[in-house]
Amino acid sequence: MTSQSVEISTSDKSWAVKAWILQTIAFVLTFGAPTVVAIVLLVHRTDPRWTGLPADTYRIAGWTAFPFAALALWVAHRWLGLTGAELGLRAGSRARAGFLGATGAGYLAIWLGLLGLGTFPEWVTGEDGNPLGAMSAWDGVTWSLRAGLVEETMLLALPMAIMLRLRWAWPAQLAVLMALRLPFHLYYGPAAILMVLVWCALLRYAYLRVRLIWPFIAAHILYDLNVAVIPVGPLRAAITLAMLVLGVIVFLSWWRDRGRHS
């Protein structure tokens, strides 16, 4: 019995080492370049408006994040044995609140996280001393797709699958999610810590009640499109109001049901 226990424990440790190696490599390949840029912006507090090789390198890193994220999920399935349900790619059971409700919850988590930024001074400014300007519509669309698809699979679905398999407690789960989400948001300055804390805490709570990553991908894409592509006006306001109301309703329903579900 003792030798069997030691064997199982050793196997678990070996799996954990492989899992975190994969998570680390996946992060470097998908968010290494944005992290470097964020640190530069954090230190200099001015948008350098890079051109030439630095700009091209950053652009290429953004596009390669898509295949690297897909490859990481494939390796997680084949090398780590994580199932599609564990990775949040398919529903293991019927998700409470439905797809649209979970999308609203994800949207609300992002909105509340970013709400705290308004209580801090703007950290990074353009070369002229003004806040960073808006991006083009094309850049806004590609940025939104990358944020939704890559961020949520690599920084929510994959680490949660690893930590749930290892049966980590919620404080450790939250700490890891924050550690992964914070580095490339450092350009917000000290406000990034508050933003990531609120965002990750709510996102983790919502994800554990759905165990499906697609609604949170949709919420992230919609949020970023709403702020980067859709112009200020009635449409943007309507989308924001509808998703926030839906998110509040869903979170309240989950809170009421907390005693009846594990």
C-alpha atoms as a PDB file:
ATOM      1  CA  MET A   1       0.000   0.000   0.000  1.00  0.00           C
ATOM      2  CA  THR A   2       2.803   2.392   0.878  1.00  0.00           C
ATOM      3  CA  SER A   3       4.730   1.725  -2.346  1.00  0.00           C
ATOM      4  CA  GLN A   4       1.537   2.194  -4.374  1.00  0.00           C
ATOM      5  CA  SER A   5       0.911   5.529  -2.665  1.00  0.00           C
ATOM      6  CA  VAL A   6       4.470   6.641  -3.395  1.00  0.00           C
ATOM      7  CA  GLU A   7       4.069   5.590  -7.033  1.00  0.00           C
ATOM      8  CA  ILE A   8       0.836   7.561  -7.435  1.00  0.00           C
ATOM      9  CA  SER A   9       2.346  10.591  -5.720  1.00  0.00           C
ATOM     10  CA  THR A  10       5.421  10.483  -7.963  1.00  0.00           C
ATOM     11  CA  SER A  11       3.214  10.156 -11.041  1.00  0.00           C
ATOM     12  CA  ASP A  12       1.151  13.160  -9.963  1.00  0.00           C
ATOM     13  CA  LYS A  13       4.269  15.239  -9.431  1.00  0.00           C
ATOM     14  CA  SER A  14       5.650  14.237 -12.820  1.00  0.00           C
ATOM     15  CA  TRP A  15       2.361  15.193 -14.486  1.00  0.00           C
ATOM     16  CA  ALA A  16       2.313  18.531 -12.647  1.00  0.00           C
ATOM     17  CA  VAL A  17       5.847  19.352 -13.791  1.00  0.00           C
ATOM     18  CA  LYS A  18       4.954  18.581 -17.404  1.00  0.00           C
ATOM     19  CA  ALA A  19       1.729  20.591 -17.130  1.00  0.00           C
ATOM     20  CA  TRP A  20       3.417  23.725 -15.800  1.00  0.00           C
ATOM     21  CA  ILE A  21       6.217  23.433 -18.344  1.00  0.00           C
ATOM     22  CA  LEU A  22       3.581  23.443 -21.063  1.00  0.00           C
ATOM     23  CA  GLN A  23       1.749  26.371 -19.476  1.00  0.00           C
ATOM     24  CA  THR A  24       4.976  28.372 -19.198  1.00  0.00           C
ATOM     25  CA  ILE A  25       6.024  27.694 -22.803  1.00  0.00           C
ATOM     26  CA  ALA A  26       2.517  28.503 -24.032  1.00  0.00           C
ATOM     27  CA  PHE A  27       2.577  31.816 -22.171  1.00  0.00           C
ATOM     28  CA  VAL A  28       5.990  32.797 -23.537  1.00  0.00           C
ATOM     29  CA  LEU A  29       4.992  31.955 -27.114  1.00  0.00           C
ATOM     30  CA  THR A  30       1.645  33.741 -26.982  1.00  0.00           C
ATOM     31  CA  PHE A  31       2.205  36.613 -24.545  1.00  0.00           C
ATOM     32  CA  GLY A  32       5.972  36.967 -24.328  1.00  0.00           C
ATOM     33  CA  ALA A  33       6.133  39.847 -26.819  1.00  0.00           C
ATOM     34  CA  PRO A  34       3.189  41.760 -25.284  1.00  0.00           C
ATOM     35  CA  THR A  35       4.785  41.334 -21.851  1.00  0.00           C
ATOM     36  CA  VAL A  36       8.074  42.841 -23.034  1.00  0.00           C
ATOM     37  CA  VAL A  37       6.210  45.774 -24.571  1.00  0.00           C
ATOM     38  CA  ALA A  38       4.124  46.234 -21.421  1.00  0.00           C
ATOM     39  CA  ILE A  39       7.241  46.360 -19.243  1.00  0.00           C
ATOM     40  CA  VAL A  40       8.829  48.943 -21.546  1.00  0.00           C
ATOM     41  CA  LEU A  41       5.677  51.055 -21.360  1.00  0.00           C
ATOM     42  CA  LEU A  42       5.527  50.625 -17.588  1.00  0.00           C
ATOM     43  CA  VAL A  43       9.061  51.937 -17.192  1.00  0.00           C
ATOM     44  CA  HIS A  44       9.067  54.741 -19.757  1.00  0.00           C
ATOM     45  CA  ARG A  45       5.375  55.724 -19.466  1.00  0.00           C
ATOM     46  CA  THR A  46       5.403  56.940 -23.068  1.00  0.00           C
ATOM     47  CA  ASP A  47       4.254  55.176 -26.214  1.00  0.00           C
ATOM     48  CA  PRO A  48       7.449  54.776 -28.277  1.00  0.00           C
ATOM     49  CA  ARG A  49       5.443  54.246 -31.491  1.00  0.00           C
ATOM     50  CA  TRP A  50       7.893  51.668 -32.772  1.00  0.00           C
ATOM     51  CA  THR A  51       8.440  51.231 -36.493  1.00  0.00           C
ATOM     52  CA  GLY A  52      10.597  48.952 -38.591  1.00  0.00           C
ATOM     53  CA  LEU A  53      11.871  45.682 -37.130  1.00  0.00           C
ATOM     54  CA  PRO A  54      10.404  46.079 -33.597  1.00  0.00           C
ATOM     55  CA  ALA A  55       6.957  46.833 -34.997  1.00  0.00           C
ATOM     56  CA  ASP A  56       7.153  43.978 -37.515  1.00  0.00           C
ATOM     57  CA  THR A  57       8.338  41.556 -34.829  1.00  0.00           C
ATOM     58  CA  TYR A  58       5.488  42.495 -32.533  1.00  0.00           C
ATOM     59  CA  ARG A  59       2.968  42.149 -35.369  1.00  0.00           C
ATOM     60  CA  ILE A  60       4.284  38.714 -36.317  1.00  0.00           C
ATOM     61  CA  ALA A  61       4.171  37.623 -32.667  1.00  0.00           C
ATOM     62  CA  GLY A  62       0.528  38.654 -32.559  1.00  0.00           C
ATOM     63  CA  TRP A  63      -0.393  36.509 -35.550  1.00  0.00           C
ATOM     64  CA  THR A  64       1.651  33.487 -34.449  1.00  0.00           C
ATOM     65  CA  ALA A  65      -0.193  33.519 -31.117  1.00  0.00           C
ATOM     66  CA  PHE A  66      -3.165  31.836 -32.834  1.00  0.00           C
ATOM     67  CA  PRO A  67      -1.365  28.671 -34.031  1.00  0.00           C
ATOM     68  CA  PHE A  68       0.739  28.507 -30.858  1.00  0.00           C
ATOM     69  CA  ALA A  69      -2.426  28.555 -28.720  1.00  0.00           C
ATOM     70  CA  ALA A  70      -4.020  25.825 -30.838  1.00  0.00           C
ATOM     71  CA  LEU A  71      -0.831  23.769 -30.603  1.00  0.00           C
ATOM     72  CA  ALA A  72      -0.717  24.181 -26.822  1.00  0.00           C
ATOM     73  CA  LEU A  73      -4.267  22.860 -26.503  1.00  0.00           C
ATOM     74  CA  TRP A  74      -3.427  19.902 -28.733  1.00  0.00           C
ATOM     75  CA  VAL A  75      -0.328  19.113 -26.651  1.00  0.00           C
ATOM     76  CA  ALA A  76      -2.393  19.442 -23.461  1.00  0.00           C
ATOM     77  CA  HIS A  77      -4.761  16.829 -24.833  1.00  0.00           C
ATOM     78  CA  ARG A  78      -2.187  14.435 -26.274  1.00  0.00           C
ATOM     79  CA  TRP A  79       0.706  14.842 -23.784  1.00  0.00           C
ATOM     80  CA  LEU A  80      -1.162  15.632 -20.579  1.00  0.00           C
ATOM     81  CA  GLY A  81      -4.286  13.611 -21.298  1.00  0.00           C
ATOM     82  CA  LEU A  82      -6.650  16.515 -20.619  1.00  0.00           C
ATOM     83  CA  THR A  83     -10.017  15.939 -22.245  1.00  0.00           C
ATOM     84  CA  GLY A  84     -11.959  18.433 -24.319  1.00  0.00           C
ATOM     85  CA  ALA A  85     -14.370  18.844 -21.422  1.00  0.00           C
ATOM     86  CA  GLU A  86     -11.531  19.502 -18.959  1.00  0.00           C
ATOM     87  CA  LEU A  87     -10.124  22.141 -21.326  1.00  0.00           C
ATOM     88  CA  GLY A  88     -13.530  23.776 -21.630  1.00  0.00           C
ATOM     89  CA  LEU A  89     -13.734  23.078 -25.363  1.00  0.00           C
ATOM     90  CA  ARG A  90     -16.892  21.046 -25.038  1.00  0.00           C
ATOM     91  CA  ALA A  91     -19.503  20.911 -22.337  1.00  0.00           C
ATOM     92  CA  GLY A  92     -19.183  18.010 -19.946  1.00  0.00           C
ATOM     93  CA  SER A  93     -22.729  18.676 -18.741  1.00  0.00           C
ATOM     94  CA  ARG A  94     -25.466  21.184 -19.462  1.00  0.00           C
ATOM     95  CA  ALA A  95     -24.153  24.619 -18.538  1.00  0.00           C
ATOM     96  CA  ARG A  96     -26.338  26.538 -16.120  1.00  0.00           C
ATOM     97  CA  ALA A  97     -27.415  29.991 -17.361  1.00  0.00           C
ATOM     98  CA  GLY A  98     -26.844  28.961 -20.980  1.00  0.00           C
ATOM     99  CA  PHE A  99     -24.349  30.308 -23.470  1.00  0.00           C
ATOM    100  CA  LEU A 100     -25.757  33.829 -23.634  1.00  0.00           C
ATOM    101  CA  GLY A 101     -25.997  34.134 -19.864  1.00  0.00           C
ATOM    102  CA  ALA A 102     -22.401  33.006 -19.415  1.00  0.00           C
ATOM    103  CA  THR A 103     -21.336  35.505 -22.072  1.00  0.00           C
ATOM    104  CA  GLY A 104     -23.023  38.250 -20.084  1.00  0.00           C
ATOM    105  CA  ALA A 105     -21.220  37.115 -16.940  1.00  0.00           C
ATOM    106  CA  GLY A 106     -17.892  37.189 -18.746  1.00  0.00           C
ATOM    107  CA  TYR A 107     -18.622  40.654 -20.135  1.00  0.00           C
ATOM    108  CA  LEU A 108     -19.502  41.953 -16.677  1.00  0.00           C
ATOM    109  CA  ALA A 109     -16.272  40.503 -15.234  1.00  0.00           C
ATOM    110  CA  ILE A 110     -14.185  42.393 -17.793  1.00  0.00           C
ATOM    111  CA  TRP A 111     -16.195  45.609 -17.378  1.00  0.00           C
ATOM    112  CA  LEU A 112     -15.892  45.619 -13.585  1.00  0.00           C
ATOM    113  CA  GLY A 113     -12.190  44.855 -13.791  1.00  0.00           C
ATOM    114  CA  LEU A 114     -11.536  47.751 -16.137  1.00  0.00           C
ATOM    115  CA  LEU A 115     -13.859  50.045 -14.173  1.00  0.00           C
ATOM    116  CA  GLY A 116     -11.178  50.418 -11.518  1.00  0.00           C
ATOM    117  CA  LEU A 117      -8.790  51.937 -14.049  1.00  0.00           C
ATOM    118  CA  GLY A 118     -10.757  55.158 -13.942  1.00  0.00           C
ATOM    119  CA  THR A 119      -9.740  55.706 -10.310  1.00  0.00           C
ATOM    120  CA  PHE A 120      -6.046  55.878 -11.313  1.00  0.00           C
ATOM    121  CA  PRO A 121      -4.268  58.495 -13.447  1.00  0.00           C
ATOM    122  CA  GLU A 122      -3.428  57.508 -17.033  1.00  0.00           C
ATOM    123  CA  TRP A 123      -0.079  55.701 -16.810  1.00  0.00           C
ATOM    124  CA  VAL A 124       1.110  55.622 -20.432  1.00  0.00           C
ATOM    125  CA  THR A 125       0.752  58.566 -22.805  1.00  0.00           C
ATOM    126  CA  GLY A 126       1.608  59.190 -26.436  1.00  0.00           C
ATOM    127  CA  GLU A 127       4.626  61.112 -27.606  1.00  0.00           C
ATOM    128  CA  ASP A 128       2.570  64.322 -27.503  1.00  0.00           C
ATOM    129  CA  GLY A 129       1.649  63.768 -23.854  1.00  0.00           C
ATOM    130  CA  ASN A 130      -1.933  62.717 -24.610  1.00  0.00           C
ATOM    131  CA  PRO A 131      -3.426  59.301 -23.779  1.00  0.00           C
ATOM    132  CA  LEU A 132      -2.814  56.516 -26.247  1.00  0.00           C
ATOM    133  CA  GLY A 133      -4.881  56.968 -29.375  1.00  0.00           C
ATOM    134  CA  ALA A 134      -7.446  54.648 -30.922  1.00  0.00           C
ATOM    135  CA  MET A 135      -6.386  51.903 -33.331  1.00  0.00           C
ATOM    136  CA  SER A 136      -7.675  51.347 -36.843  1.00  0.00           C
ATOM    137  CA  ALA A 137     -10.818  49.266 -37.360  1.00  0.00           C
ATOM    138  CA  TRP A 138      -8.804  46.377 -38.851  1.00  0.00           C
ATOM    139  CA  ASP A 139      -6.330  46.392 -35.976  1.00  0.00           C
ATOM    140  CA  GLY A 140      -9.258  46.575 -33.562  1.00  0.00           C
ATOM    141  CA  VAL A 141     -10.890  43.487 -35.055  1.00  0.00           C
ATOM    142  CA  THR A 142      -7.704  41.408 -35.084  1.00  0.00           C
ATOM    143  CA  TRP A 143      -6.792  42.592 -31.588  1.00  0.00           C
ATOM    144  CA  SER A 144     -10.250  41.625 -30.323  1.00  0.00           C
ATOM    145  CA  LEU A 145     -10.121  38.177 -31.889  1.00  0.00           C
ATOM    146  CA  ARG A 146      -6.657  37.532 -30.504  1.00  0.00           C
ATOM    147  CA  ALA A 147      -7.647  38.740 -27.044  1.00  0.00           C
ATOM    148  CA  GLY A 148     -10.702  36.508 -26.942  1.00  0.00           C
ATOM    149  CA  LEU A 149      -9.388  33.337 -28.535  1.00  0.00           C
ATOM    150  CA  VAL A 150      -5.821  33.322 -27.247  1.00  0.00           C
ATOM    151  CA  GLU A 151      -6.206  34.971 -23.853  1.00  0.00           C
ATOM    152  CA  GLU A 152      -9.123  32.906 -22.639  1.00  0.00           C
ATOM    153  CA  THR A 153      -7.793  29.551 -23.860  1.00  0.00           C
ATOM    154  CA  MET A 154      -4.229  30.084 -22.629  1.00  0.00           C
ATOM    155  CA  LEU A 155      -4.893  32.077 -19.453  1.00  0.00           C
ATOM    156  CA  LEU A 156      -8.197  30.611 -18.269  1.00  0.00           C
ATOM    157  CA  ALA A 157      -9.091  27.256 -19.838  1.00  0.00           C
ATOM    158  CA  LEU A 158      -5.619  25.685 -19.817  1.00  0.00           C
ATOM    159  CA  PRO A 159      -4.462  26.731 -16.320  1.00  0.00           C
ATOM    160  CA  MET A 160      -7.859  25.924 -14.799  1.00  0.00           C
ATOM    161  CA  ALA A 161      -7.776  22.469 -16.386  1.00  0.00           C
ATOM    162  CA  ILE A 162      -4.346  21.887 -14.853  1.00  0.00           C
ATOM    163  CA  MET A 163      -5.279  23.220 -11.418  1.00  0.00           C
ATOM    164  CA  LEU A 164      -8.585  21.363 -11.270  1.00  0.00           C
ATOM    165  CA  ARG A 165      -6.833  18.112 -12.190  1.00  0.00           C
ATOM    166  CA  LEU A 166      -4.328  18.813  -9.393  1.00  0.00           C
ATOM    167  CA  ARG A 167      -7.163  19.774  -7.003  1.00  0.00           C
ATOM    168  CA  TRP A 168      -5.624  23.119  -6.095  1.00  0.00           C
ATOM    169  CA  ALA A 169      -7.564  25.312  -3.675  1.00  0.00           C
ATOM    170  CA  TRP A 170      -9.213  28.516  -4.833  1.00  0.00           C
ATOM    171  CA  PRO A 171      -6.540  30.933  -3.459  1.00  0.00           C
ATOM    172  CA  ALA A 172      -3.866  29.156  -5.503  1.00  0.00           C
ATOM    173  CA  GLN A 173      -6.110  29.141  -8.555  1.00  0.00           C
ATOM    174  CA  LEU A 174      -6.740  32.865  -8.283  1.00  0.00           C
ATOM    175  CA  ALA A 175      -3.043  33.612  -7.727  1.00  0.00           C
ATOM    176  CA  VAL A 176      -2.046  31.689 -10.859  1.00  0.00           C
ATOM    177  CA  LEU A 177      -4.746  33.310 -12.987  1.00  0.00           C
ATOM    178  CA  MET A 178      -3.595  36.745 -11.826  1.00  0.00           C
ATOM    179  CA  ALA A 179       0.078  35.924 -12.399  1.00  0.00           C
ATOM    180  CA  LEU A 180      -0.710  34.933 -15.974  1.00  0.00           C
ATOM    181  CA  ARG A 181      -3.026  37.856 -16.755  1.00  0.00           C
ATOM    182  CA  LEU A 182      -0.994  40.644 -15.145  1.00  0.00           C
ATOM    183  CA  PRO A 183       2.362  40.819 -17.025  1.00  0.00           C
ATOM    184  CA  PHE A 184       1.111  42.068 -20.406  1.00  0.00           C
ATOM    185  CA  HIS A 185      -1.284  44.509 -18.721  1.00  0.00           C
ATOM    186  CA  LEU A 186       1.490  46.254 -16.795  1.00  0.00           C
ATOM    187  CA  TYR A 187       1.235  49.276 -19.065  1.00  0.00           C
ATOM    188  CA  TYR A 188      -1.771  50.302 -16.947  1.00  0.00           C
ATOM    189  CA  GLY A 189       0.623  50.897 -14.067  1.00  0.00           C
ATOM    190  CA  PRO A 190      -0.470  50.148 -10.468  1.00  0.00           C
ATOM    191  CA  ALA A 191      -4.088  50.042 -11.634  1.00  0.00           C
ATOM    192  CA  ALA A 192      -3.324  46.775 -13.430  1.00  0.00           C
ATOM    193  CA  ILE A 193      -3.193  44.901 -10.106  1.00  0.00           C
ATOM    194  CA  LEU A 194      -6.702  45.971  -9.114  1.00  0.00           C
ATOM    195  CA  MET A 195      -8.038  45.336 -12.603  1.00  0.00           C
ATOM    196  CA  VAL A 196      -6.612  41.817 -12.789  1.00  0.00           C
ATOM    197  CA  LEU A 197      -7.726  40.934  -9.255  1.00  0.00           C
ATOM    198  CA  VAL A 198     -11.368  41.836  -9.895  1.00  0.00           C
ATOM    199  CA  TRP A 199     -11.382  40.412 -13.408  1.00  0.00           C
ATOM    200  CA  CYS A 200      -9.801  37.067 -12.512  1.00  0.00           C
ATOM    201  CA  ALA A 201     -11.846  36.569  -9.343  1.00  0.00           C
ATOM    202  CA  LEU A 202     -15.154  37.048 -11.169  1.00  0.00           C
ATOM    203  CA  LEU A 203     -13.999  35.138 -14.235  1.00  0.00           C
ATOM    204  CA  ARG A 204     -12.919  32.149 -12.188  1.00  0.00           C
ATOM    205  CA  TYR A 205     -16.240  32.136 -10.326  1.00  0.00           C
ATOM    206  CA  ALA A 206     -18.185  32.252 -13.586  1.00  0.00           C
ATOM    207  CA  TYR A 207     -16.043  29.689 -15.396  1.00  0.00           C
ATOM    208  CA  LEU A 208     -16.431  27.111 -12.649  1.00  0.00           C
ATOM    209  CA  ARG A 209     -20.205  27.310 -13.081  1.00  0.00           C
ATOM    210  CA  VAL A 210     -20.080  26.807 -16.821  1.00  0.00           C
ATOM    211  CA  ARG A 211     -16.893  24.779 -17.488  1.00  0.00           C
ATOM    212  CA  LEU A 212     -17.064  25.928 -21.120  1.00  0.00           C
ATOM    213  CA  ILE A 213     -14.616  28.464 -22.515  1.00  0.00           C
ATOM    214  CA  TRP A 214     -16.558  29.613 -25.591  1.00  0.00           C
ATOM    215  CA  PRO A 215     -18.926  32.056 -23.816  1.00  0.00           C
ATOM    216  CA  PHE A 216     -15.944  33.817 -22.238  1.00  0.00           C
ATOM    217  CA  ILE A 217     -14.159  33.978 -25.570  1.00  0.00           C
ATOM    218  CA  ALA A 218     -17.303  35.544 -27.046  1.00  0.00           C
ATOM    219  CA  ALA A 219     -17.572  38.001 -24.138  1.00  0.00           C
ATOM    220  CA  HIS A 220     -13.954  39.130 -24.513  1.00  0.00           C
ATOM    221  CA  ILE A 221     -14.239  39.564 -28.284  1.00  0.00           C
ATOM    222  CA  LEU A 222     -17.507  41.484 -27.944  1.00  0.00           C
ATOM    223  CA  TYR A 223     -16.141  43.738 -25.217  1.00  0.00           C
ATOM    224  CA  ASP A 224     -13.013  44.623 -27.173  1.00  0.00           C
ATOM    225  CA  LEU A 225     -14.947  45.178 -30.393  1.00  0.00           C
ATOM    226  CA  ASN A 226     -17.312  47.437 -28.494  1.00  0.00           C
ATOM    227  CA  VAL A 227     -14.522  49.672 -27.207  1.00  0.00           C
ATOM    228  CA  ALA A 228     -12.085  49.493 -30.148  1.00  0.00           C
ATOM    229  CA  VAL A 229     -14.247  49.268 -33.270  1.00  0.00           C
ATOM    230  CA  ILE A 230     -17.826  50.328 -32.585  1.00  0.00           C
ATOM    231  CA  PRO A 231     -17.961  54.142 -32.365  1.00  0.00           C
ATOM    232  CA  VAL A 232     -19.285  55.929 -29.302  1.00  0.00           C
ATOM    233  CA  GLY A 233     -23.026  56.192 -29.690  1.00  0.00           C
ATOM    234  CA  PRO A 234     -26.365  54.400 -29.189  1.00  0.00           C
ATOM    235  CA  LEU A 235     -25.150  51.007 -30.466  1.00  0.00           C
ATOM    236  CA  ARG A 236     -22.185  50.858 -28.122  1.00  0.00           C
ATOM    237  CA  ALA A 237     -24.336  51.993 -25.205  1.00  0.00           C
ATOM    238  CA  ALA A 238     -27.031  49.432 -26.028  1.00  0.00           C
ATOM    239  CA  ILE A 239     -24.556  46.553 -26.205  1.00  0.00           C
ATOM    240  CA  THR A 240     -22.938  47.585 -22.934  1.00  0.00           C
ATOM    241  CA  LEU A 241     -26.232  47.987 -21.093  1.00  0.00           C
ATOM    242  CA  ALA A 242     -27.686  44.717 -22.381  1.00  0.00           C
ATOM    243  CA  MET A 243     -24.613  42.667 -21.497  1.00  0.00           C
ATOM    244  CA  LEU A 244     -24.194  44.245 -18.054  1.00  0.00           C
ATOM    245  CA  VAL A 245     -27.837  43.665 -17.134  1.00  0.00           C
ATOM    246  CA  LEU A 246     -27.599  40.079 -18.345  1.00  0.00           C
ATOM    247  CA  GLY A 247     -24.369  39.570 -16.404  1.00  0.00           C
ATOM    248  CA  VAL A 248     -25.839  40.936 -13.175  1.00  0.00           C
ATOM    249  CA  ILE A 249     -28.896  38.684 -13.503  1.00  0.00           C
ATOM    250  CA  VAL A 250     -26.740  35.606 -14.091  1.00  0.00           C
ATOM    251  CA  PHE A 251     -24.357  36.314 -11.207  1.00  0.00           C
ATOM    252  CA  LEU A 252     -27.304  36.879  -8.876  1.00  0.00           C
ATOM    253  CA  SER A 253     -28.888  33.606  -9.985  1.00  0.00           C
ATOM    254  CA  TRP A 254     -25.633  31.746  -9.367  1.00  0.00           C
ATOM    255  CA  TRP A 255     -25.308  33.357  -5.946  1.00  0.00           C
ATOM    256  CA  ARG A 256     -28.838  32.323  -4.977  1.00  0.00           C
ATOM    257  CA  ASP A 257     -28.172  28.769  -6.148  1.00  0.00           C
ATOM    258  CA  ARG A 258     -24.778  28.441  -4.455  1.00  0.00           C
ATOM    259  CA  GLY A 259     -26.163  26.230  -1.677  1.00  0.00           C
ATOM    260  CA  ARG A 260     -27.751  23.783  -4.099  1.00  0.00           C
ATOM    261  CA  HIS A 261     -24.710  23.173  -6.323  1.00  0.00           C
ATOM    262  CA  SER A 262     -21.160  22.113  -5.624  1.00  0.00           C
END
